[in-house]
């Protein structure tokens, strides 16, 4: 087992490198990355990572790629990057097209040490990234409206670490945080621009494709 204190220091160093402002001139292509595992409880286990890229504003699919590998770091809450990042980086290196912004299924700076998997991936690849999570990991927020587009800031110790965003009327929100090289304002706007359902299309399509690949 890796020394978790050492890994915490890696995360803290990563957090210092995160840039929370827009690092691009335009956004036309948005990618979503998701992973799935053959056996979640086992370690090591076979895993698959998928990148799906859609084009704004019509969300037309322009590229998809899936790779397979072995994951040998156990699932430990708040240390997800050390389990999933190696396969994600391999996927990034092999992708023939790179989007202007990556959506990552997980947290960005809304993380106890300020560097969730979306931030880690962004810093490692020097790419604009947004964390889009299905569940809250960290922080507090006030109730938000039931309408699509409603959001409430996620805060911790007086600092804004993300936003809770309603992507569809009366549907559970998603938890959005800056990964790297993007502002929270732009992150929220892009999540809403790409959401037809609860989960933004790039991540939703990647998830659906992985389920088909996993079932063979």
Protein backbone atom coordinates (compact mmCIF):
# COMPACT_ATOMS: atom_id res chain seq x y z
CA UNK A 1 0.00 0.00 0.00
CA UNK A 2 1.23 3.46 -0.89
CA UNK A 3 1.96 5.84 1.97
CA UNK A 4 -1.21 7.98 2.08
CA UNK A 5 0.60 10.88 3.76
CA UNK A 6 2.97 11.04 0.80
CA UNK A 7 0.04 10.96 -1.61
CA UNK A 8 -1.62 13.78 0.33
CA UNK A 9 1.49 15.89 -0.24
CA UNK A 10 1.31 15.15 -3.97
CA UNK A 11 -2.30 16.36 -3.97
CA UNK A 12 -1.41 19.54 -2.07
CA UNK A 13 1.39 20.30 -4.54
CA UNK A 14 -1.03 19.68 -7.41
CA UNK A 15 -3.54 22.10 -5.84
CA UNK A 16 -0.91 24.87 -5.88
CA UNK A 17 -0.58 24.50 -9.65
CA UNK A 18 -4.29 24.72 -10.43
CA UNK A 19 -5.29 27.83 -12.41
CA UNK A 20 -8.92 28.90 -11.88
CA UNK A 21 -9.35 31.18 -14.89
CA UNK A 22 -10.13 30.53 -18.55
CA UNK A 23 -7.03 29.37 -20.39
CA UNK A 24 -8.49 29.28 -23.91
CA UNK A 25 -9.77 31.57 -26.65
CA UNK A 26 -12.71 29.48 -27.83
CA UNK A 27 -14.64 26.37 -26.90
CA UNK A 28 -16.11 24.27 -29.64
CA UNK A 29 -15.15 20.72 -28.72
CA UNK A 30 -15.97 19.35 -25.26
CA UNK A 31 -14.78 15.92 -24.19
CA UNK A 32 -16.04 13.67 -21.42
CA UNK A 33 -13.93 11.00 -19.72
CA UNK A 34 -15.37 8.13 -17.69
CA UNK A 35 -14.04 4.81 -16.39
CA UNK A 36 -15.61 1.50 -15.51
CA UNK A 37 -14.21 -1.62 -13.85
CA UNK A 38 -14.70 -5.33 -14.37
CA UNK A 39 -14.87 -5.88 -10.58
CA UNK A 40 -15.10 -2.72 -8.46
CA UNK A 41 -14.26 -4.57 -5.21
CA UNK A 42 -11.20 -6.39 -6.53
CA UNK A 43 -7.67 -5.09 -6.87
CA UNK A 44 -6.07 -5.35 -9.34
CA UNK A 45 -8.92 -5.41 -11.84
CA UNK A 46 -9.49 -4.90 -15.52
CA UNK A 47 -10.77 -1.42 -16.36
CA UNK A 48 -11.85 0.60 -19.38
CA UNK A 49 -11.55 4.34 -19.96
CA UNK A 50 -13.54 6.24 -22.57
CA UNK A 51 -13.32 9.69 -24.16
CA UNK A 52 -16.30 11.09 -26.06
CA UNK A 53 -16.08 14.49 -27.77
CA UNK A 54 -19.10 16.54 -28.84
CA UNK A 55 -19.29 19.81 -30.76
CA UNK A 56 -21.01 22.96 -29.58
CA UNK A 57 -23.67 24.15 -30.04
CA UNK A 58 -25.50 21.12 -31.51
CA UNK A 59 -23.75 18.46 -29.31
CA UNK A 60 -22.99 16.38 -32.39
CA UNK A 61 -20.68 13.44 -31.66
CA UNK A 62 -17.31 14.00 -33.35
CA UNK A 63 -15.00 11.44 -31.73
CA UNK A 64 -14.96 8.51 -29.33
CA UNK A 65 -12.22 6.23 -28.08
CA UNK A 66 -12.09 3.44 -25.50
CA UNK A 67 -9.01 1.74 -24.07
CA UNK A 68 -8.57 -1.21 -21.73
CA UNK A 69 -6.02 -1.68 -18.97
CA UNK A 70 -5.33 -3.01 -15.49
CA UNK A 71 -5.92 -0.84 -12.42
CA UNK A 72 -3.93 -1.89 -9.36
CA UNK A 73 -4.50 0.90 -6.83
CA UNK A 74 -7.40 0.24 -4.42
CA UNK A 75 -10.48 2.43 -4.18
CA UNK A 76 -9.86 4.88 -1.32
CA UNK A 77 -12.13 7.94 -0.97
CA UNK A 78 -10.34 11.24 -1.82
CA UNK A 79 -7.48 9.32 -3.54
CA UNK A 80 -9.36 8.47 -6.74
CA UNK A 81 -6.72 9.96 -9.06
CA UNK A 82 -4.13 7.40 -7.99
CA UNK A 83 -6.53 4.63 -9.04
CA UNK A 84 -7.88 6.09 -12.29
CA UNK A 85 -5.38 8.65 -13.58
CA UNK A 86 -2.82 6.28 -15.19
CA UNK A 87 -5.45 4.83 -17.55
CA UNK A 88 -6.88 8.32 -18.22
CA UNK A 89 -3.43 9.61 -19.18
CA UNK A 90 -2.92 6.66 -21.53
CA UNK A 91 -6.28 7.48 -23.12
CA UNK A 92 -5.26 11.13 -23.49
CA UNK A 93 -1.96 10.19 -25.15
CA UNK A 94 -3.65 7.85 -27.62
CA UNK A 95 -6.55 10.15 -28.54
CA UNK A 96 -6.29 11.45 -32.12
CA UNK A 97 -8.41 14.51 -31.27
CA UNK A 98 -8.12 16.66 -28.15
CA UNK A 99 -11.14 18.74 -27.04
CA UNK A 100 -10.84 22.37 -25.96
CA UNK A 101 -12.24 21.41 -22.53
CA UNK A 102 -12.44 18.05 -20.76
CA UNK A 103 -15.28 17.11 -18.41
CA UNK A 104 -14.13 14.52 -15.87
CA UNK A 105 -16.52 12.29 -13.93
CA UNK A 106 -15.28 13.34 -10.47
CA UNK A 107 -14.17 16.34 -8.45
CA UNK A 108 -11.89 19.24 -9.28
CA UNK A 109 -10.95 21.68 -6.51
CA UNK A 110 -14.01 20.60 -4.45
CA UNK A 111 -11.72 18.19 -2.63
CA UNK A 112 -10.28 18.19 0.91
CA UNK A 113 -6.79 18.93 -0.44
CA UNK A 114 -7.90 21.02 -3.42
CA UNK A 115 -6.93 18.53 -6.10
CA UNK A 116 -9.52 15.96 -7.12
CA UNK A 117 -9.11 13.81 -10.21
CA UNK A 118 -10.28 16.54 -12.62
CA UNK A 119 -7.61 18.91 -11.30
CA UNK A 120 -4.97 16.19 -11.29
CA UNK A 121 -5.70 15.29 -14.91
CA UNK A 122 -5.76 18.96 -15.94
CA UNK A 123 -2.44 19.77 -14.29
CA UNK A 124 -0.76 16.62 -15.66
CA UNK A 125 -1.90 17.29 -19.25
CA UNK A 126 -1.97 21.11 -19.06
CA UNK A 127 -5.60 20.96 -20.26
CA UNK A 128 -8.73 22.92 -19.31
CA UNK A 129 -10.81 20.54 -17.17
CA UNK A 130 -14.07 20.59 -15.22
CA UNK A 131 -15.03 18.18 -12.47
CA UNK A 132 -18.64 16.99 -12.83
CA UNK A 133 -19.64 14.68 -9.97
CA UNK A 134 -22.89 12.90 -9.20
CA UNK A 135 -22.38 13.19 -5.44
CA UNK A 136 -21.00 15.81 -3.08
CA UNK A 137 -17.60 15.04 -1.61
CA UNK A 138 -16.84 18.28 0.16
CA UNK A 139 -18.33 21.62 1.20
CA UNK A 140 -21.72 23.11 2.03
CA UNK A 141 -24.46 24.70 -0.03
CA UNK A 142 -27.87 26.30 0.30
CA UNK A 143 -30.98 24.96 -1.37
CA UNK A 144 -31.29 25.72 -5.06
CA UNK A 145 -34.34 26.18 -7.26
CA UNK A 146 -36.10 23.30 -9.02
CA UNK A 147 -35.66 24.82 -12.50
CA UNK A 148 -32.91 23.91 -14.95
CA UNK A 149 -30.09 26.46 -14.63
CA UNK A 150 -30.57 27.01 -10.90
CA UNK A 151 -27.37 26.68 -8.91
CA UNK A 152 -25.94 27.23 -5.47
CA UNK A 153 -22.28 27.78 -4.63
CA UNK A 154 -20.45 25.02 -2.82
CA UNK A 155 -18.39 26.59 -0.04
CA UNK A 156 -15.89 25.56 2.61
CA UNK A 157 -14.49 27.86 5.31
CA UNK A 158 -15.84 30.88 3.46
CA UNK A 159 -14.27 29.93 0.12
CA UNK A 160 -16.21 28.94 -3.00
CA UNK A 161 -14.99 25.51 -4.10
CA UNK A 162 -17.66 24.68 -6.69
CA UNK A 163 -21.34 24.85 -7.53
CA UNK A 164 -24.36 22.59 -7.26
CA UNK A 165 -26.10 22.88 -10.64
CA UNK A 166 -29.59 21.81 -11.71
CA UNK A 167 -29.22 20.57 -15.27
CA UNK A 168 -32.86 19.48 -15.71
CA UNK A 169 -36.10 20.62 -14.08
CA UNK A 170 -36.82 18.78 -10.82
CA UNK A 171 -33.91 16.36 -11.30
CA UNK A 172 -31.06 15.81 -8.83
CA UNK A 173 -28.26 18.35 -9.41
CA UNK A 174 -24.65 17.70 -10.33
CA UNK A 175 -21.60 18.97 -8.46
CA UNK A 176 -19.39 21.15 -10.64
CA UNK A 177 -15.91 22.37 -9.75
CA UNK A 178 -12.94 23.86 -11.54
CA UNK A 179 -10.40 21.29 -12.64
CA UNK A 180 -7.72 23.47 -14.24
CA UNK A 181 -7.37 26.40 -16.66
CA UNK A 182 -11.04 27.41 -16.45
CA UNK A 183 -13.22 29.63 -14.28
CA UNK A 184 -16.16 28.37 -12.26
CA UNK A 185 -18.49 30.71 -14.19
CA UNK A 186 -17.45 29.18 -17.53
CA UNK A 187 -17.58 25.68 -16.04
CA UNK A 188 -21.23 26.16 -15.03
CA UNK A 189 -22.11 27.67 -18.43
CA UNK A 190 -20.53 24.77 -20.34
CA UNK A 191 -22.18 22.13 -18.15
CA UNK A 192 -25.58 23.70 -18.87
CA UNK A 193 -24.85 24.07 -22.59
CA UNK A 194 -24.06 20.36 -22.87
CA UNK A 195 -26.81 18.91 -20.66
CA UNK A 196 -29.93 17.39 -22.18
CA UNK A 197 -30.44 15.13 -19.18
CA UNK A 198 -28.96 15.20 -15.68
CA UNK A 199 -25.39 14.35 -16.76
CA UNK A 200 -23.69 16.47 -19.47
CA UNK A 201 -23.67 14.67 -22.82
CA UNK A 202 -19.90 14.04 -23.14
CA UNK A 203 -19.80 12.13 -19.83
CA UNK A 204 -23.23 10.52 -20.32
CA UNK A 205 -22.28 9.18 -23.76
CA UNK A 206 -18.90 7.96 -22.47
CA UNK A 207 -20.64 6.15 -19.60
CA UNK A 208 -23.16 4.52 -21.96
CA UNK A 209 -20.44 3.39 -24.35
CA UNK A 210 -18.45 1.88 -21.48
CA UNK A 211 -21.44 -0.13 -20.31
CA UNK A 212 -21.71 -1.68 -23.80
CA UNK A 213 -17.96 -2.39 -23.97
CA UNK A 214 -17.93 -3.92 -20.48
CA UNK A 215 -20.77 -6.29 -21.36
CA UNK A 216 -18.86 -7.32 -24.47
